[in-house]
Amino acid sequence: MTFVPRKMKLIPAFAGAALLVTTAAPVRAEDAKAQQGAAEQQPPEKHHSKAKGALVGGVGGAVVGGKKGAAVGAAGGALYQHHKNKKAGKKQAKQQDK
């Protein structure tokens, strides 16, 4: 059995604790911003580019399925972005009706 000094055991423990503390701090800041901005109207959602969706889908499809996969992925990516735009438009219209 290998002897591990006490200091060597504490270093990973402190590093882990520091990591947990730094990840928890931004969550509290976001909660404060959310409560402060609740009374204000939120800006409209951004437009999702169909070309960008087609590009990402095409690259993903090419990696998985070659040429035909790229074509199918590009079509799927553009369709997905179209769906996101349509969904955001409906949400914005619903908020304006309130």
Protein backbone atom coordinates (compact mmCIF):
# COMPACT_ATOMS: atom_id res chain seq x y z
CA MET A 1 0.00 0.00 0.00
CA THR A 2 1.35 3.43 -0.94
CA PHE A 3 1.65 6.16 1.67
CA VAL A 4 0.02 9.45 0.61
CA PRO A 5 0.85 12.51 2.74
CA ARG A 6 -2.01 14.45 4.25
CA LYS A 7 -1.12 17.59 2.28
CA MET A 8 -1.42 15.66 -0.97
CA LYS A 9 -4.98 14.67 -0.02
CA LEU A 10 -5.97 18.23 0.84
CA ILE A 11 -4.90 19.80 -2.46
CA PRO A 12 -7.59 18.05 -4.59
CA ALA A 13 -10.18 18.71 -1.89
CA PHE A 14 -9.47 22.45 -1.92
CA ALA A 15 -9.40 22.53 -5.71
CA GLY A 16 -12.79 20.82 -5.85
CA ALA A 17 -14.25 23.21 -3.26
CA ALA A 18 -12.93 26.20 -5.21
CA LEU A 19 -14.50 24.87 -8.38
CA LEU A 20 -17.87 24.42 -6.69
CA VAL A 21 -17.78 27.92 -5.19
CA THR A 22 -16.94 29.57 -8.51
CA THR A 23 -19.73 27.75 -10.34
CA ALA A 24 -22.35 28.64 -7.72
CA ALA A 25 -21.58 32.38 -7.61
CA PRO A 26 -22.82 33.28 -11.13
CA VAL A 27 -26.13 31.52 -10.46
CA ARG A 28 -26.92 33.93 -7.64
CA ALA A 29 -26.02 36.90 -9.84
CA GLU A 30 -28.33 35.64 -12.59
CA ASP A 31 -31.19 35.22 -10.09
CA ALA A 32 -30.79 38.83 -8.98
CA LYS A 33 -30.82 40.02 -12.59
CA ALA A 34 -33.91 37.93 -13.34
CA GLN A 35 -35.81 39.39 -10.40
CA GLN A 36 -34.77 42.91 -11.30
CA GLY A 37 -35.72 42.51 -14.96
CA ALA A 38 -39.05 40.78 -14.28
CA ALA A 39 -40.88 44.11 -14.23
CA GLU A 40 -39.26 45.27 -17.46
CA GLN A 41 -40.31 43.91 -20.84
CA GLN A 42 -37.86 41.45 -22.32
CA PRO A 43 -36.34 42.13 -25.74
CA PRO A 44 -37.69 40.09 -28.66
CA GLU A 45 -36.02 36.79 -29.44
CA LYS A 46 -33.34 36.88 -32.09
CA HIS A 47 -33.89 35.66 -35.64
CA HIS A 48 -32.44 32.22 -36.38
CA SER A 49 -30.65 32.11 -39.72
CA LYS A 50 -31.81 29.34 -42.05
CA ALA A 51 -28.48 29.45 -43.88
CA LYS A 52 -26.59 28.92 -40.67
CA GLY A 53 -28.88 26.00 -39.77
CA ALA A 54 -28.36 24.50 -43.20
CA LEU A 55 -24.60 24.85 -42.87
CA VAL A 56 -24.47 23.20 -39.45
CA GLY A 57 -26.86 20.47 -40.53
CA GLY A 58 -24.91 19.86 -43.71
CA VAL A 59 -21.63 19.49 -41.87
CA GLY A 60 -23.18 17.16 -39.32
CA GLY A 61 -24.85 15.11 -42.02
CA ALA A 62 -21.62 14.89 -44.01
CA VAL A 63 -19.77 13.56 -41.01
CA VAL A 64 -22.41 10.90 -40.39
CA GLY A 65 -23.60 9.98 -43.87
CA GLY A 66 -21.40 11.37 -46.64
CA LYS A 67 -22.83 13.38 -49.57
CA LYS A 68 -26.44 12.30 -49.19
CA GLY A 69 -26.24 12.80 -45.45
CA ALA A 70 -25.01 16.34 -46.01
CA ALA A 71 -27.99 17.15 -48.21
CA VAL A 72 -30.45 15.67 -45.74
CA GLY A 73 -28.71 17.41 -42.82
CA ALA A 74 -28.77 20.77 -44.59
CA ALA A 75 -32.49 20.45 -45.30
CA GLY A 76 -33.15 19.39 -41.73
CA GLY A 77 -31.09 22.25 -40.29
CA ALA A 78 -32.90 24.85 -42.37
CA LEU A 79 -36.27 23.36 -41.42
CA TYR A 80 -35.32 23.38 -37.74
CA GLN A 81 -34.33 27.05 -37.87
CA HIS A 82 -37.58 27.86 -39.70
CA HIS A 83 -39.49 26.12 -36.92
CA LYS A 84 -37.62 28.11 -34.26
CA ASN A 85 -38.42 31.39 -36.04
CA LYS A 86 -42.08 30.46 -36.35
CA LYS A 87 -42.27 29.47 -32.68
CA ALA A 88 -40.60 32.73 -31.58
CA GLY A 89 -43.02 34.74 -33.74
CA LYS A 90 -46.03 33.05 -32.16
CA LYS A 91 -44.64 33.65 -28.67
CA GLN A 92 -44.03 37.33 -29.42
CA ALA A 93 -47.53 37.77 -30.85
CA LYS A 94 -49.02 36.11 -27.79
CA GLN A 95 -47.13 38.45 -25.47
CA GLN A 96 -48.30 41.50 -27.42
CA ASP A 97 -51.93 40.40 -27.07
CA LYS A 98 -51.67 40.42 -23.26
